[in-house]
Amino acid sequence: MAFRDLIDDVDDTVFDVLGDRALIEGRKVHGMFSAPWLQPKLGRITTALREPHLVIRVGDNAGVETRQKVVIDLPAEDGGGTYTIASIEPGGDGLVALVLRKTA
């Protein structure tokens, strides 16, 4: 079995068990959502602000384009809600980061 096949098996398990559920234009995907404004504070200084993002697998990226709607299925306190894809950043490692912007 090739290394890439082994990693695909690991990714299947990780994303299915630990992934956050999201809808991209109504299509269900599992990814790893991060909202940097929810990161821990260090003393009185908050950590650097960045855009929220959803990391998905390359196979789930087919048909994904900027300006599409993404709904993160988490409580609002954890960053859940509706976002718009601002940019798509392939990582070269089988994963793609969707940089998001919160919609009103």
PDB file of N, CA and C in Angstrom:
ATOM      1  N   MET A   1       0.848  -1.177   0.000  1.00  0.00           N
ATOM      2  CA  MET A   1       0.000   0.000   0.000  1.00  0.00           C
ATOM      3  C   MET A   1       0.895   1.242   0.000  1.00  0.00           C
ATOM      4  N   ALA A   2       0.579   2.209  -0.847  1.00  0.00           N
ATOM      5  CA  ALA A   2       1.364   3.432  -0.963  1.00  0.00           C
ATOM      6  C   ALA A   2       1.134   4.336   0.249  1.00  0.00           C
ATOM      7  N   PHE A   3       2.106   5.192   0.517  1.00  0.00           N
ATOM      8  CA  PHE A   3       2.031   6.113   1.646  1.00  0.00           C
ATOM      9  C   PHE A   3       0.785   6.996   1.552  1.00  0.00           C
ATOM     10  N   ARG A   4       0.503   7.513   0.357  1.00  0.00           N
ATOM     11  CA  ARG A   4      -0.665   8.385   0.175  1.00  0.00           C
ATOM     12  C   ARG A   4      -1.961   7.650   0.531  1.00  0.00           C
ATOM     13  N   ASP A   5      -2.040   6.369   0.205  1.00  0.00           N
ATOM     14  CA  ASP A   5      -3.222   5.572   0.554  1.00  0.00           C
ATOM     15  C   ASP A   5      -3.372   5.433   2.067  1.00  0.00           C
ATOM     16  N   LEU A   6      -2.251   5.247   2.753  1.00  0.00           N
ATOM     17  CA  LEU A   6      -2.286   5.148   4.217  1.00  0.00           C
ATOM     18  C   LEU A   6      -2.766   6.462   4.836  1.00  0.00           C
ATOM     19  N   ILE A   7      -2.245   7.570   4.322  1.00  0.00           N
ATOM     20  CA  ILE A   7      -2.645   8.883   4.839  1.00  0.00           C
ATOM     21  C   ILE A   7      -4.124   9.134   4.562  1.00  0.00           C
ATOM     22  N   ASP A   8      -4.614   8.718   3.399  1.00  0.00           N
ATOM     23  CA  ASP A   8      -6.044   8.862   3.101  1.00  0.00           C
ATOM     24  C   ASP A   8      -6.894   8.119   4.126  1.00  0.00           C
ATOM     25  N   ASP A   9      -6.453   6.927   4.521  1.00  0.00           N
ATOM     26  CA  ASP A   9      -7.183   6.162   5.538  1.00  0.00           C
ATOM     27  C   ASP A   9      -7.184   6.888   6.880  1.00  0.00           C
ATOM     28  N   VAL A  10      -6.044   7.452   7.248  1.00  0.00           N
ATOM     29  CA  VAL A  10      -5.948   8.213   8.499  1.00  0.00           C
ATOM     30  C   VAL A  10      -6.860   9.436   8.429  1.00  0.00           C
ATOM     31  N   ASP A  11      -6.798  10.170   7.300  1.00  0.00           N
ATOM     32  CA  ASP A  11      -7.645  11.352   7.139  1.00  0.00           C
ATOM     33  C   ASP A  11      -9.127  10.995   7.218  1.00  0.00           C
ATOM     34  N   ASP A  12      -9.518   9.865   6.615  1.00  0.00           N
ATOM     35  CA  ASP A  12     -10.916   9.428   6.695  1.00  0.00           C
ATOM     36  C   ASP A  12     -11.363   9.331   8.146  1.00  0.00           C
ATOM     37  N   THR A  13     -10.551   8.691   8.953  1.00  0.00           N
ATOM     38  CA  THR A  13     -10.891   8.497  10.362  1.00  0.00           C
ATOM     39  C   THR A  13     -10.893   9.814  11.125  1.00  0.00           C
ATOM     40  N   VAL A  14      -9.849  10.609  10.950  1.00  0.00           N
ATOM     41  CA  VAL A  14      -9.733  11.876  11.682  1.00  0.00           C
ATOM     42  C   VAL A  14     -10.887  12.815  11.340  1.00  0.00           C
ATOM     43  N   PHE A  15     -11.163  12.996  10.057  1.00  0.00           N
ATOM     44  CA  PHE A  15     -12.219  13.926   9.665  1.00  0.00           C
ATOM     45  C   PHE A  15     -13.604  13.413  10.052  1.00  0.00           C
ATOM     46  N   ASP A  16     -13.829  12.104   9.964  1.00  0.00           N
ATOM     47  CA  ASP A  16     -15.133  11.555  10.345  1.00  0.00           C
ATOM     48  C   ASP A  16     -15.380  11.642  11.844  1.00  0.00           C
ATOM     49  N   VAL A  17     -14.349  11.397  12.644  1.00  0.00           N
ATOM     50  CA  VAL A  17     -14.514  11.366  14.097  1.00  0.00           C
ATOM     51  C   VAL A  17     -14.363  12.748  14.730  1.00  0.00           C
ATOM     52  N   LEU A  18     -13.368  13.508  14.294  1.00  0.00           N
ATOM     53  CA  LEU A  18     -13.055  14.776  14.946  1.00  0.00           C
ATOM     54  C   LEU A  18     -13.474  16.012  14.165  1.00  0.00           C
ATOM     55  N   GLY A  19     -13.868  15.830  12.916  1.00  0.00           N
ATOM     56  CA  GLY A  19     -14.175  16.973  12.055  1.00  0.00           C
ATOM     57  C   GLY A  19     -15.439  17.716  12.461  1.00  0.00           C
ATOM     58  N   ASP A  20     -15.478  18.977  12.066  1.00  0.00           N
ATOM     59  CA  ASP A  20     -16.661  19.808  12.262  1.00  0.00           C
ATOM     60  C   ASP A  20     -17.538  19.681  11.021  1.00  0.00           C
ATOM     61  N   ARG A  21     -18.842  19.586  11.226  1.00  0.00           N
ATOM     62  CA  ARG A  21     -19.761  19.496  10.090  1.00  0.00           C
ATOM     63  C   ARG A  21     -19.989  20.878   9.508  1.00  0.00           C
ATOM     64  N   ALA A  22     -20.017  20.929   8.183  1.00  0.00           N
ATOM     65  CA  ALA A  22     -20.271  22.186   7.490  1.00  0.00           C
ATOM     66  C   ALA A  22     -21.078  21.902   6.233  1.00  0.00           C
ATOM     67  N   LEU A  23     -21.742  22.929   5.748  1.00  0.00           N
ATOM     68  CA  LEU A  23     -22.457  22.866   4.476  1.00  0.00           C
ATOM     69  C   LEU A  23     -21.842  23.907   3.557  1.00  0.00           C
ATOM     70  N   ILE A  24     -21.399  23.477   2.391  1.00  0.00           N
ATOM     71  CA  ILE A  24     -20.892  24.406   1.384  1.00  0.00           C
ATOM     72  C   ILE A  24     -21.928  24.423   0.275  1.00  0.00           C
ATOM     73  N   GLU A  25     -22.657  25.533   0.177  1.00  0.00           N
ATOM     74  CA  GLU A  25     -23.758  25.646  -0.786  1.00  0.00           C
ATOM     75  C   GLU A  25     -24.702  24.455  -0.665  1.00  0.00           C
ATOM     76  N   GLY A  26     -24.963  24.022   0.579  1.00  0.00           N
ATOM     77  CA  GLY A  26     -25.898  22.939   0.847  1.00  0.00           C
ATOM     78  C   GLY A  26     -25.303  21.538   0.817  1.00  0.00           C
ATOM     79  N   ARG A  27     -24.031  21.409   0.419  1.00  0.00           N
ATOM     80  CA  ARG A  27     -23.373  20.091   0.348  1.00  0.00           C
ATOM     81  C   ARG A  27     -22.635  19.827   1.653  1.00  0.00           C
ATOM     82  N   LYS A  28     -22.887  18.655   2.269  1.00  0.00           N
ATOM     83  CA  LYS A  28     -22.261  18.315   3.549  1.00  0.00           C
ATOM     84  C   LYS A  28     -20.792  17.966   3.364  1.00  0.00           C
ATOM     85  N   VAL A  29     -19.948  18.541   4.229  1.00  0.00           N
ATOM     86  CA  VAL A  29     -18.526  18.197   4.274  1.00  0.00           C
ATOM     87  C   VAL A  29     -18.094  18.164   5.735  1.00  0.00           C
ATOM     88  N   HIS A  30     -17.006  17.463   5.998  1.00  0.00           N
ATOM     89  CA  HIS A  30     -16.364  17.493   7.311  1.00  0.00           C
ATOM     90  C   HIS A  30     -15.045  18.230   7.146  1.00  0.00           C
ATOM     91  N   GLY A  31     -14.748  19.095   8.085  1.00  0.00           N
ATOM     92  CA  GLY A  31     -13.499  19.846   8.039  1.00  0.00           C
ATOM     93  C   GLY A  31     -13.073  20.230   9.438  1.00  0.00           C
ATOM     94  N   MET A  32     -11.987  20.957   9.500  1.00  0.00           N
ATOM     95  CA  MET A  32     -11.484  21.456  10.778  1.00  0.00           C
ATOM     96  C   MET A  32     -11.658  22.975  10.781  1.00  0.00           C
ATOM     97  N   PHE A  33     -12.626  23.459  11.567  1.00  0.00           N
ATOM     98  CA  PHE A  33     -12.930  24.888  11.624  1.00  0.00           C
ATOM     99  C   PHE A  33     -12.094  25.554  12.702  1.00  0.00           C
ATOM    100  N   SER A  34     -11.614  26.747  12.392  1.00  0.00           N
ATOM    101  CA  SER A  34     -10.864  27.527  13.368  1.00  0.00           C
ATOM    102  C   SER A  34     -11.308  28.980  13.294  1.00  0.00           C
ATOM    103  N   ALA A  35     -11.685  29.521  14.441  1.00  0.00           N
ATOM    104  CA  ALA A  35     -12.036  30.934  14.560  1.00  0.00           C
ATOM    105  C   ALA A  35     -11.011  31.568  15.492  1.00  0.00           C
ATOM    106  N   PRO A  36     -10.007  32.236  14.936  1.00  0.00           N
ATOM    107  CA  PRO A  36      -8.904  32.748  15.758  1.00  0.00           C
ATOM    108  C   PRO A  36      -9.326  33.679  16.885  1.00  0.00           C
ATOM    109  N   TRP A  37     -10.446  34.374  16.741  1.00  0.00           N
ATOM    110  CA  TRP A  37     -10.858  35.264  17.822  1.00  0.00           C
ATOM    111  C   TRP A  37     -11.295  34.493  19.053  1.00  0.00           C
ATOM    112  N   LEU A  38     -11.451  33.185  18.927  1.00  0.00           N
ATOM    113  CA  LEU A  38     -11.796  32.350  20.073  1.00  0.00           C
ATOM    114  C   LEU A  38     -10.570  31.730  20.724  1.00  0.00           C
ATOM    115  N   GLN A  39      -9.377  32.056  20.205  1.00  0.00           N
ATOM    116  CA  GLN A  39      -8.143  31.491  20.747  1.00  0.00           C
ATOM    117  C   GLN A  39      -7.895  32.044  22.150  1.00  0.00           C
ATOM    118  N   PRO A  40      -7.116  31.339  22.946  1.00  0.00           N
ATOM    119  CA  PRO A  40      -6.870  31.794  24.315  1.00  0.00           C
ATOM    120  C   PRO A  40      -6.117  33.116  24.364  1.00  0.00           C
ATOM    121  N   LYS A  41      -6.358  33.847  25.430  1.00  0.00           N
ATOM    122  CA  LYS A  41      -5.649  35.105  25.651  1.00  0.00           C
ATOM    123  C   LYS A  41      -4.385  34.828  26.448  1.00  0.00           C
ATOM    124  N   LEU A  42      -3.345  35.578  26.157  1.00  0.00           N
ATOM    125  CA  LEU A  42      -2.092  35.474  26.896  1.00  0.00           C
ATOM    126  C   LEU A  42      -1.980  36.711  27.772  1.00  0.00           C
ATOM    127  N   GLY A  43      -2.240  36.554  29.044  1.00  0.00           N
ATOM    128  CA  GLY A  43      -2.248  37.715  29.924  1.00  0.00           C
ATOM    129  C   GLY A  43      -3.374  38.648  29.516  1.00  0.00           C
ATOM    130  N   ARG A  44      -3.034  39.891  29.212  1.00  0.00           N
ATOM    131  CA  ARG A  44      -4.030  40.852  28.770  1.00  0.00           C
ATOM    132  C   ARG A  44      -3.958  41.082  27.269  1.00  0.00           C
ATOM    133  N   ILE A  45      -3.047  40.414  26.602  1.00  0.00           N
ATOM    134  CA  ILE A  45      -2.883  40.590  25.159  1.00  0.00           C
ATOM    135  C   ILE A  45      -3.505  39.387  24.458  1.00  0.00           C
ATOM    136  N   THR A  46      -4.402  39.639  23.526  1.00  0.00           N
ATOM    137  CA  THR A  46      -4.990  38.528  22.786  1.00  0.00           C
ATOM    138  C   THR A  46      -4.024  38.085  21.698  1.00  0.00           C
ATOM    139  N   THR A  47      -4.158  36.839  21.283  1.00  0.00           N
ATOM    140  CA  THR A  47      -3.298  36.330  20.220  1.00  0.00           C
ATOM    141  C   THR A  47      -3.633  37.038  18.915  1.00  0.00           C
ATOM    142  N   ALA A  48      -2.754  36.943  17.929  1.00  0.00           N
ATOM    143  CA  ALA A  48      -2.914  37.651  16.660  1.00  0.00           C
ATOM    144  C   ALA A  48      -4.240  37.285  15.985  1.00  0.00           C
ATOM    145  N   LEU A  49      -4.895  38.295  15.436  1.00  0.00           N
ATOM    146  CA  LEU A  49      -6.149  38.061  14.730  1.00  0.00           C
ATOM    147  C   LEU A  49      -5.878  37.610  13.306  1.00  0.00           C
ATOM    148  N   ARG A  50      -6.650  36.641  12.870  1.00  0.00           N
ATOM    149  CA  ARG A  50      -6.601  36.167  11.495  1.00  0.00           C
ATOM    150  C   ARG A  50      -8.023  35.850  11.082  1.00  0.00           C
ATOM    151  N   GLU A  51      -8.181  35.571   9.818  1.00  0.00           N
ATOM    152  CA  GLU A  51      -9.503  35.203   9.315  1.00  0.00           C
ATOM    153  C   GLU A  51      -9.872  33.801   9.810  1.00  0.00           C
ATOM    154  N   PRO A  52     -11.150  33.555  10.039  1.00  0.00           N
ATOM    155  CA  PRO A  52     -11.569  32.182  10.344  1.00  0.00           C
ATOM    156  C   PRO A  52     -11.367  31.316   9.109  1.00  0.00           C
ATOM    157  N   HIS A  53     -11.159  30.037   9.305  1.00  0.00           N
ATOM    158  CA  HIS A  53     -10.976  29.159   8.152  1.00  0.00           C
ATOM    159  C   HIS A  53     -11.492  27.750   8.442  1.00  0.00           C
ATOM    160  N   LEU A  54     -11.796  27.067   7.355  1.00  0.00           N
ATOM    161  CA  LEU A  54     -12.244  25.684   7.395  1.00  0.00           C
ATOM    162  C   LEU A  54     -11.289  24.889   6.522  1.00  0.00           C
ATOM    163  N   VAL A  55     -10.609  23.921   7.108  1.00  0.00           N
ATOM    164  CA  VAL A  55      -9.688  23.068   6.355  1.00  0.00           C
ATOM    165  C   VAL A  55     -10.445  21.811   5.947  1.00  0.00           C
ATOM    166  N   ILE A  56     -10.466  21.558   4.637  1.00  0.00           N
ATOM    167  CA  ILE A  56     -11.161  20.387   4.104  1.00  0.00           C
ATOM    168  C   ILE A  56     -10.191  19.561   3.273  1.00  0.00           C
ATOM    169  N   ARG A  57     -10.603  18.370   2.914  1.00  0.00           N
ATOM    170  CA  ARG A  57      -9.778  17.498   2.075  1.00  0.00           C
ATOM    171  C   ARG A  57      -9.913  17.914   0.614  1.00  0.00           C
ATOM    172  N   VAL A  58      -8.873  17.667  -0.162  1.00  0.00           N
ATOM    173  CA  VAL A  58      -8.872  18.031  -1.578  1.00  0.00           C
ATOM    174  C   VAL A  58     -10.084  17.439  -2.296  1.00  0.00           C
ATOM    175  N   GLY A  59     -10.446  16.211  -1.973  1.00  0.00           N
ATOM    176  CA  GLY A  59     -11.593  15.573  -2.612  1.00  0.00           C
ATOM    177  C   GLY A  59     -12.907  16.296  -2.369  1.00  0.00           C
ATOM    178  N   ASP A  60     -13.019  16.999  -1.238  1.00  0.00           N
ATOM    179  CA  ASP A  60     -14.232  17.759  -0.928  1.00  0.00           C
ATOM    180  C   ASP A  60     -14.216  19.147  -1.551  1.00  0.00           C
ATOM    181  N   ASN A  61     -13.089  19.533  -2.137  1.00  0.00           N
ATOM    182  CA  ASN A  61     -12.930  20.873  -2.684  1.00  0.00           C
ATOM    183  C   ASN A  61     -13.476  21.008  -4.105  1.00  0.00           C
ATOM    184  N   ALA A  62     -13.840  19.903  -4.733  1.00  0.00           N
ATOM    185  CA  ALA A  62     -14.353  19.959  -6.109  1.00  0.00           C
ATOM    186  C   ALA A  62     -15.593  20.847  -6.174  1.00  0.00           C
ATOM    187  N   GLY A  63     -15.568  21.821  -7.060  1.00  0.00           N
ATOM    188  CA  GLY A  63     -16.702  22.722  -7.243  1.00  0.00           C
ATOM    189  C   GLY A  63     -16.765  23.875  -6.264  1.00  0.00           C
ATOM    190  N   VAL A  64     -15.842  23.933  -5.317  1.00  0.00           N
ATOM    191  CA  VAL A  64     -15.838  25.022  -4.341  1.00  0.00           C
ATOM    192  C   VAL A  64     -15.206  26.257  -4.977  1.00  0.00           C
ATOM    193  N   GLU A  65     -15.863  27.400  -4.811  1.00  0.00           N
ATOM    194  CA  GLU A  65     -15.382  28.658  -5.380  1.00  0.00           C
ATOM    195  C   GLU A  65     -15.519  29.770  -4.350  1.00  0.00           C
ATOM    196  N   THR A  66     -14.753  30.839  -4.555  1.00  0.00           N
ATOM    197  CA  THR A  66     -14.884  31.994  -3.673  1.00  0.00           C
ATOM    198  C   THR A  66     -16.297  32.556  -3.804  1.00  0.00           C
ATOM    199  N   ARG A  67     -16.728  33.221  -2.761  1.00  0.00           N
ATOM    200  CA  ARG A  67     -18.046  33.840  -2.631  1.00  0.00           C
ATOM    201  C   ARG A  67     -19.182  32.848  -2.422  1.00  0.00           C
ATOM    202  N   GLN A  68     -18.863  31.554  -2.265  1.00  0.00           N
ATOM    203  CA  GLN A  68     -19.915  30.596  -1.938  1.00  0.00           C
ATOM    204  C   GLN A  68     -20.223  30.667  -0.446  1.00  0.00           C
ATOM    205  N   LYS A  69     -21.434  30.239  -0.090  1.00  0.00           N
ATOM    206  CA  LYS A  69     -21.882  30.269   1.303  1.00  0.00           C
ATOM    207  C   LYS A  69     -21.458  28.989   2.014  1.00  0.00           C
ATOM    208  N   VAL A  70     -20.969  29.155   3.243  1.00  0.00           N
ATOM    209  CA  VAL A  70     -20.586  28.033   4.100  1.00  0.00           C
ATOM    210  C   VAL A  70     -21.309  28.197   5.431  1.00  0.00           C
ATOM    211  N   VAL A  71     -21.968  27.145   5.868  1.00  0.00           N
ATOM    212  CA  VAL A  71     -22.616  27.152   7.181  1.00  0.00           C
ATOM    213  C   VAL A  71     -21.853  26.173   8.064  1.00  0.00           C
ATOM    214  N   ILE A  72     -21.302  26.690   9.167  1.00  0.00           N
ATOM    215  CA  ILE A  72     -20.565  25.872  10.126  1.00  0.00           C
ATOM    216  C   ILE A  72     -21.549  25.412  11.194  1.00  0.00           C
ATOM    217  N   ASP A  73     -21.660  24.094  11.364  1.00  0.00           N
ATOM    218  CA  ASP A  73     -22.627  23.502  12.286  1.00  0.00           C
ATOM    219  C   ASP A  73     -22.026  23.378  13.685  1.00  0.00           C
ATOM    220  N   LEU A  74     -21.883  24.532  14.322  1.00  0.00           N
ATOM    221  CA  LEU A  74     -21.393  24.612  15.701  1.00  0.00           C
ATOM    222  C   LEU A  74     -22.226  25.654  16.430  1.00  0.00           C
ATOM    223  N   PRO A  75     -22.239  25.626  17.753  1.00  0.00           N
ATOM    224  CA  PRO A  75     -22.909  26.699  18.485  1.00  0.00           C
ATOM    225  C   PRO A  75     -22.257  28.051  18.165  1.00  0.00           C
ATOM    226  N   ALA A  76     -23.045  29.115  18.225  1.00  0.00           N
ATOM    227  CA  ALA A  76     -22.527  30.459  17.933  1.00  0.00           C
ATOM    228  C   ALA A  76     -21.326  30.798  18.816  1.00  0.00           C
ATOM    229  N   GLU A  77     -21.338  30.320  20.056  1.00  0.00           N
ATOM    230  CA  GLU A  77     -20.226  30.600  20.977  1.00  0.00           C
ATOM    231  C   GLU A  77     -18.924  29.963  20.508  1.00  0.00           C
ATOM    232  N   ASP A  78     -19.021  28.942  19.677  1.00  0.00           N
ATOM    233  CA  ASP A  78     -17.832  28.274  19.142  1.00  0.00           C
ATOM    234  C   ASP A  78     -17.519  28.718  17.721  1.00  0.00           C
ATOM    235  N   GLY A  79     -18.201  29.757  17.249  1.00  0.00           N
ATOM    236  CA  GLY A  79     -17.927  30.286  15.918  1.00  0.00           C
ATOM    237  C   GLY A  79     -18.863  29.792  14.841  1.00  0.00           C
ATOM    238  N   GLY A  80     -19.857  28.993  15.204  1.00  0.00           N
ATOM    239  CA  GLY A  80     -20.794  28.489  14.205  1.00  0.00           C
ATOM    240  C   GLY A  80     -21.609  29.608  13.586  1.00  0.00           C
ATOM    241  N   GLY A  81     -22.090  29.356  12.385  1.00  0.00           N
ATOM    242  CA  GLY A  81     -22.899  30.349  11.688  1.00  0.00           C
ATOM    243  C   GLY A  81     -22.618  30.329  10.200  1.00  0.00           C
ATOM    244  N   THR A  82     -23.024  31.407   9.541  1.00  0.00           N
ATOM    245  CA  THR A  82     -22.902  31.502   8.093  1.00  0.00           C
ATOM    246  C   THR A  82     -21.720  32.381   7.712  1.00  0.00           C
ATOM    247  N   TYR A  83     -20.942  31.886   6.763  1.00  0.00           N
ATOM    248  CA  TYR A  83     -19.748  32.570   6.279  1.00  0.00           C
ATOM    249  C   TYR A  83     -19.757  32.588   4.753  1.00  0.00           C
ATOM    250  N   THR A  84     -18.888  33.416   4.188  1.00  0.00           N
ATOM    251  CA  THR A  84     -18.638  33.447   2.752  1.00  0.00           C
ATOM    252  C   THR A  84     -17.179  33.094   2.536  1.00  0.00           C
ATOM    253  N   ILE A  85     -16.893  32.302   1.503  1.00  0.00           N
ATOM    254  CA  ILE A  85     -15.505  31.939   1.203  1.00  0.00           C
ATOM    255  C   ILE A  85     -14.804  33.145   0.592  1.00  0.00           C
ATOM    256  N   ALA A  86     -13.756  33.628   1.262  1.00  0.00           N
ATOM    257  CA  ALA A  86     -12.984  34.774   0.783  1.00  0.00           C
ATOM    258  C   ALA A  86     -11.851  34.334  -0.138  1.00  0.00           C
ATOM    259  N   SER A  87     -11.219  33.218   0.183  1.00  0.00           N
ATOM    260  CA  SER A  87     -10.158  32.685  -0.679  1.00  0.00           C
ATOM    261  C   SER A  87      -9.984  31.199  -0.404  1.00  0.00           C
ATOM    262  N   ILE A  88      -9.345  30.542  -1.361  1.00  0.00           N
ATOM    263  CA  ILE A  88      -9.096  29.102  -1.281  1.00  0.00           C
ATOM    264  C   ILE A  88      -7.594  28.897  -1.359  1.00  0.00           C
ATOM    265  N   GLU A  89      -7.023  28.232  -0.349  1.00  0.00           N
ATOM    266  CA  GLU A  89      -5.573  28.078  -0.259  1.00  0.00           C
ATOM    267  C   GLU A  89      -5.185  26.606  -0.147  1.00  0.00           C
ATOM    268  N   PRO A  90      -4.831  25.977  -1.294  1.00  0.00           N
ATOM    269  CA  PRO A  90      -4.359  24.590  -1.237  1.00  0.00           C
ATOM    270  C   PRO A  90      -3.059  24.508  -0.449  1.00  0.00           C
ATOM    271  N   GLY A  91      -2.926  23.457   0.353  1.00  0.00           N
ATOM    272  CA  GLY A  91      -1.738  23.321   1.185  1.00  0.00           C
ATOM    273  C   GLY A  91      -0.659  22.445   0.584  1.00  0.00           C
ATOM    274  N   GLY A  92      -0.982  21.716  -0.487  1.00  0.00           N
ATOM    275  CA  GLY A  92      -0.011  20.808  -1.073  1.00  0.00           C
ATOM    276  C   GLY A  92       0.150  19.517  -0.289  1.00  0.00           C
ATOM    277  N   ASP A  93      -0.676  19.342   0.726  1.00  0.00           N
ATOM    278  CA  ASP A  93      -0.589  18.158   1.587  1.00  0.00           C
ATOM    279  C   ASP A  93      -1.883  17.357   1.585  1.00  0.00           C
ATOM    280  N   GLY A  94      -2.715  17.587   0.573  1.00  0.00           N
ATOM    281  CA  GLY A  94      -3.990  16.892   0.500  1.00  0.00           C
ATOM    282  C   GLY A  94      -5.120  17.630   1.192  1.00  0.00           C
ATOM    283  N   LEU A  95      -4.805  18.800   1.738  1.00  0.00           N
ATOM    284  CA  LEU A  95      -5.803  19.610   2.429  1.00  0.00           C
ATOM    285  C   LEU A  95      -5.901  20.982   1.776  1.00  0.00           C
ATOM    286  N   VAL A  96      -7.060  21.613   1.933  1.00  0.00           N
ATOM    287  CA  VAL A  96      -7.303  22.941   1.378  1.00  0.00           C
ATOM    288  C   VAL A  96      -7.908  23.796   2.482  1.00  0.00           C
ATOM    289  N   ALA A  97      -7.360  24.995   2.681  1.00  0.00           N
ATOM    290  CA  ALA A  97      -7.906  25.927   3.666  1.00  0.00           C
ATOM    291  C   ALA A  97      -8.850  26.890   2.955  1.00  0.00           C
ATOM    292  N   LEU A  98     -10.073  26.939   3.425  1.00  0.00           N
ATOM    293  CA  LEU A  98     -11.038  27.910   2.927  1.00  0.00           C
ATOM    294  C   LEU A  98     -11.038  29.076   3.905  1.00  0.00           C
ATOM    295  N   VAL A  99     -10.552  30.220   3.463  1.00  0.00           N
ATOM    296  CA  VAL A  99     -10.534  31.410   4.311  1.00  0.00           C
ATOM    297  C   VAL A  99     -11.931  32.013   4.254  1.00  0.00           C
ATOM    298  N   LEU A 100     -12.509  32.257   5.418  1.00  0.00           N
ATOM    299  CA  LEU A 100     -13.912  32.647   5.517  1.00  0.00           C
ATOM    300  C   LEU A 100     -14.088  34.060   6.041  1.00  0.00           C
ATOM    301  N   ARG A 101     -15.239  34.648   5.703  1.00  0.00           N
ATOM    302  CA  ARG A 101     -15.662  35.924   6.272  1.00  0.00           C
ATOM    303  C   ARG A 101     -17.074  35.741   6.797  1.00  0.00           C
ATOM    304  N   LYS A 102     -17.299  36.198   8.006  1.00  0.00           N
ATOM    305  CA  LYS A 102     -18.620  36.078   8.643  1.00  0.00           C
ATOM    306  C   LYS A 102     -19.627  36.935   7.886  1.00  0.00           C
ATOM    307  N   THR A 103     -20.809  36.384   7.627  1.00  0.00           N
ATOM    308  CA  THR A 103     -21.869  37.154   6.989  1.00  0.00           C
ATOM    309  C   THR A 103     -22.875  37.571   8.043  1.00  0.00           C
ATOM    310  N   ALA A 104     -23.553  38.656   7.745  1.00  0.00           N
ATOM    311  CA  ALA A 104     -24.507  39.204   8.718  1.00  0.00           C
ATOM    312  C   ALA A 104     -25.746  38.365   8.834  1.00  0.00           C
TER     313      ALA A 104
END
